[in-house]
């Protein structure tokens, strides 16, 4: 398990896919609101004039010496739900992130978001 204190120090480090191919730099960490543990990161991708942040779960992620290796392939990450570099993830689009990776989406009992930026 990756602890919140560990992963927050990895901002701007490379995120690589399951095969070791670079995806982009880690931009932000989102925690699961039920456990307060890191659950998803955003990765900066795209050309310099068309940058965007894409979401990738930390399921099966490994912290290497200078990278975070995620359990997904680069093409799947690059086609995941994304947002502009100055945007926030709207609550109604949160479920799509989980569906893209075939993960269960479990909002709070009163419909609270599952992800939050600490």
C-alpha atoms as a PDB file:
ATOM      1  CA  UNK A   1       0.000   0.000   0.000  1.00  0.00           C
ATOM      2  CA  UNK A   2       1.238   3.473  -0.845  1.00  0.00           C
ATOM      3  CA  UNK A   3       0.914   5.905   2.040  1.00  0.00           C
ATOM      4  CA  UNK A   4      -0.307   9.470   1.510  1.00  0.00           C
ATOM      5  CA  UNK A   5       2.892  10.946   2.964  1.00  0.00           C
ATOM      6  CA  UNK A   6       4.976   8.972   0.465  1.00  0.00           C
ATOM      7  CA  UNK A   7       3.081   9.686  -2.745  1.00  0.00           C
ATOM      8  CA  UNK A   8       2.667  13.437  -2.140  1.00  0.00           C
ATOM      9  CA  UNK A   9       6.439  13.785  -2.369  1.00  0.00           C
ATOM     10  CA  UNK A  10       6.358  12.358  -5.909  1.00  0.00           C
ATOM     11  CA  UNK A  11       4.812  15.367  -7.659  1.00  0.00           C
ATOM     12  CA  UNK A  12       6.504  15.932 -11.048  1.00  0.00           C
ATOM     13  CA  UNK A  13       8.139  12.473 -10.965  1.00  0.00           C
ATOM     14  CA  UNK A  14       7.511  10.222 -13.958  1.00  0.00           C
ATOM     15  CA  UNK A  15       4.511   7.935 -14.049  1.00  0.00           C
ATOM     16  CA  UNK A  16       5.223   4.815 -16.091  1.00  0.00           C
ATOM     17  CA  UNK A  17       2.860   2.112 -17.274  1.00  0.00           C
ATOM     18  CA  UNK A  18       2.842  -1.599 -16.445  1.00  0.00           C
ATOM     19  CA  UNK A  19       5.457  -2.180 -19.165  1.00  0.00           C
ATOM     20  CA  UNK A  20       7.733   0.629 -17.936  1.00  0.00           C
ATOM     21  CA  UNK A  21       6.836   3.127 -20.676  1.00  0.00           C
ATOM     22  CA  UNK A  22       6.670   6.780 -19.605  1.00  0.00           C
ATOM     23  CA  UNK A  23       3.185   8.304 -19.489  1.00  0.00           C
ATOM     24  CA  UNK A  24       3.988  11.736 -18.025  1.00  0.00           C
ATOM     25  CA  UNK A  25       4.719  13.562 -14.772  1.00  0.00           C
ATOM     26  CA  UNK A  26       2.549  13.042 -11.694  1.00  0.00           C
ATOM     27  CA  UNK A  27       0.581  16.227 -11.046  1.00  0.00           C
ATOM     28  CA  UNK A  28      -1.749  15.549  -8.096  1.00  0.00           C
ATOM     29  CA  UNK A  29      -2.935  12.861  -5.707  1.00  0.00           C
ATOM     30  CA  UNK A  30      -6.577  12.157  -4.887  1.00  0.00           C
ATOM     31  CA  UNK A  31      -7.523  10.189  -1.783  1.00  0.00           C
ATOM     32  CA  UNK A  32     -10.454   7.864  -1.251  1.00  0.00           C
ATOM     33  CA  UNK A  33     -12.785   9.793   1.068  1.00  0.00           C
ATOM     34  CA  UNK A  34     -13.783   6.600   2.888  1.00  0.00           C
ATOM     35  CA  UNK A  35     -10.236   5.550   3.812  1.00  0.00           C
ATOM     36  CA  UNK A  36      -8.209   8.753   3.399  1.00  0.00           C
ATOM     37  CA  UNK A  37      -5.648   6.677   1.475  1.00  0.00           C
ATOM     38  CA  UNK A  38      -4.217   7.655  -1.941  1.00  0.00           C
ATOM     39  CA  UNK A  39      -6.433   6.188  -4.652  1.00  0.00           C
ATOM     40  CA  UNK A  40      -5.896   8.085  -7.919  1.00  0.00           C
ATOM     41  CA  UNK A  41      -3.287  10.405  -9.404  1.00  0.00           C
ATOM     42  CA  UNK A  42      -3.469  12.843 -12.257  1.00  0.00           C
ATOM     43  CA  UNK A  43      -0.792  12.671 -14.925  1.00  0.00           C
ATOM     44  CA  UNK A  44       0.118  15.561 -17.222  1.00  0.00           C
ATOM     45  CA  UNK A  45      -0.082  14.427 -20.854  1.00  0.00           C
ATOM     46  CA  UNK A  46      -0.256  15.966 -24.310  1.00  0.00           C
ATOM     47  CA  UNK A  47       1.673  18.438 -26.387  1.00  0.00           C
ATOM     48  CA  UNK A  48       2.885  21.656 -24.736  1.00  0.00           C
ATOM     49  CA  UNK A  49       0.052  23.667 -26.308  1.00  0.00           C
ATOM     50  CA  UNK A  50      -2.607  21.044 -25.552  1.00  0.00           C
ATOM     51  CA  UNK A  51      -1.754  19.747 -22.075  1.00  0.00           C
ATOM     52  CA  UNK A  52      -4.374  17.970 -20.003  1.00  0.00           C
ATOM     53  CA  UNK A  53      -4.568  15.932 -16.823  1.00  0.00           C
ATOM     54  CA  UNK A  54      -5.670  12.338 -17.047  1.00  0.00           C
ATOM     55  CA  UNK A  55      -6.639  10.113 -14.142  1.00  0.00           C
ATOM     56  CA  UNK A  56      -5.045   6.799 -13.234  1.00  0.00           C
ATOM     57  CA  UNK A  57      -5.770   4.633 -10.173  1.00  0.00           C
ATOM     58  CA  UNK A  58      -2.977   3.610  -7.831  1.00  0.00           C
ATOM     59  CA  UNK A  59      -4.250   0.023  -7.746  1.00  0.00           C
ATOM     60  CA  UNK A  60      -1.135  -2.196  -7.862  1.00  0.00           C
ATOM     61  CA  UNK A  61       1.136   0.879  -8.181  1.00  0.00           C
ATOM     62  CA  UNK A  62       4.806   0.620  -7.204  1.00  0.00           C
ATOM     63  CA  UNK A  63       7.095   3.447  -6.132  1.00  0.00           C
ATOM     64  CA  UNK A  64      10.441   3.078  -7.892  1.00  0.00           C
ATOM     65  CA  UNK A  65      13.628   5.077  -7.309  1.00  0.00           C
ATOM     66  CA  UNK A  66      12.423   8.003  -9.457  1.00  0.00           C
ATOM     67  CA  UNK A  67       9.048   6.938 -10.845  1.00  0.00           C
ATOM     68  CA  UNK A  68       5.594   5.642  -9.985  1.00  0.00           C
ATOM     69  CA  UNK A  69       4.722   2.498 -11.911  1.00  0.00           C
ATOM     70  CA  UNK A  70       0.970   2.013 -12.352  1.00  0.00           C
ATOM     71  CA  UNK A  71      -0.781  -1.236 -13.172  1.00  0.00           C
ATOM     72  CA  UNK A  72      -2.262  -0.003 -16.456  1.00  0.00           C
ATOM     73  CA  UNK A  73      -0.978   0.396 -20.008  1.00  0.00           C
ATOM     74  CA  UNK A  74      -0.151   3.831 -21.425  1.00  0.00           C
ATOM     75  CA  UNK A  75      -2.881   3.728 -24.092  1.00  0.00           C
ATOM     76  CA  UNK A  76      -5.553   3.016 -21.483  1.00  0.00           C
ATOM     77  CA  UNK A  77      -4.311   5.885 -19.306  1.00  0.00           C
ATOM     78  CA  UNK A  78      -4.157   8.317 -22.215  1.00  0.00           C
ATOM     79  CA  UNK A  79      -7.747   7.500 -23.201  1.00  0.00           C
ATOM     80  CA  UNK A  80      -9.027   7.893 -19.620  1.00  0.00           C
ATOM     81  CA  UNK A  81     -11.264  10.772 -18.545  1.00  0.00           C
ATOM     82  CA  UNK A  82      -9.254  13.971 -18.355  1.00  0.00           C
ATOM     83  CA  UNK A  83      -9.555  17.668 -17.606  1.00  0.00           C
ATOM     84  CA  UNK A  84      -7.728  20.888 -18.321  1.00  0.00           C
ATOM     85  CA  UNK A  85      -4.664  21.760 -16.278  1.00  0.00           C
ATOM     86  CA  UNK A  86      -6.559  24.453 -14.331  1.00  0.00           C
ATOM     87  CA  UNK A  87      -9.820  22.533 -13.919  1.00  0.00           C
ATOM     88  CA  UNK A  88     -11.272  20.408 -11.141  1.00  0.00           C
ATOM     89  CA  UNK A  89     -13.007  17.071 -11.557  1.00  0.00           C
ATOM     90  CA  UNK A  90     -16.777  17.691 -11.495  1.00  0.00           C
ATOM     91  CA  UNK A  91     -18.598  15.364  -9.101  1.00  0.00           C
ATOM     92  CA  UNK A  92     -20.834  14.043 -11.880  1.00  0.00           C
ATOM     93  CA  UNK A  93     -17.771  12.917 -13.907  1.00  0.00           C
ATOM     94  CA  UNK A  94     -16.050  11.056 -11.080  1.00  0.00           C
ATOM     95  CA  UNK A  95     -17.848   7.769 -11.784  1.00  0.00           C
ATOM     96  CA  UNK A  96     -16.496   7.746 -15.371  1.00  0.00           C
ATOM     97  CA  UNK A  97     -12.925   7.514 -14.052  1.00  0.00           C
ATOM     98  CA  UNK A  98     -13.739   4.296 -12.200  1.00  0.00           C
ATOM     99  CA  UNK A  99     -15.743   2.850 -15.102  1.00  0.00           C
ATOM    100  CA  UNK A 100     -12.869   3.464 -17.520  1.00  0.00           C
ATOM    101  CA  UNK A 101     -10.635   1.202 -15.423  1.00  0.00           C
ATOM    102  CA  UNK A 102     -13.403  -1.333 -14.610  1.00  0.00           C
ATOM    103  CA  UNK A 103     -13.240  -0.445 -10.923  1.00  0.00           C
ATOM    104  CA  UNK A 104     -16.248  -0.235  -8.584  1.00  0.00           C
ATOM    105  CA  UNK A 105     -17.478   3.270  -7.818  1.00  0.00           C
ATOM    106  CA  UNK A 106     -18.665   3.690  -4.231  1.00  0.00           C
ATOM    107  CA  UNK A 107     -19.793   7.191  -3.293  1.00  0.00           C
ATOM    108  CA  UNK A 108     -20.691   7.951   0.313  1.00  0.00           C
ATOM    109  CA  UNK A 109     -24.026   6.972   1.827  1.00  0.00           C
ATOM    110  CA  UNK A 110     -25.424  10.433   1.128  1.00  0.00           C
ATOM    111  CA  UNK A 111     -23.906  10.656  -2.352  1.00  0.00           C
ATOM    112  CA  UNK A 112     -20.612  12.218  -1.239  1.00  0.00           C
ATOM    113  CA  UNK A 113     -17.719  12.051  -3.656  1.00  0.00           C
ATOM    114  CA  UNK A 114     -15.351   9.101  -3.469  1.00  0.00           C
ATOM    115  CA  UNK A 115     -12.281  11.166  -4.435  1.00  0.00           C
ATOM    116  CA  UNK A 116     -10.847  14.306  -2.861  1.00  0.00           C
ATOM    117  CA  UNK A 117      -7.643  16.279  -3.175  1.00  0.00           C
ATOM    118  CA  UNK A 118      -6.050  16.590   0.248  1.00  0.00           C
END
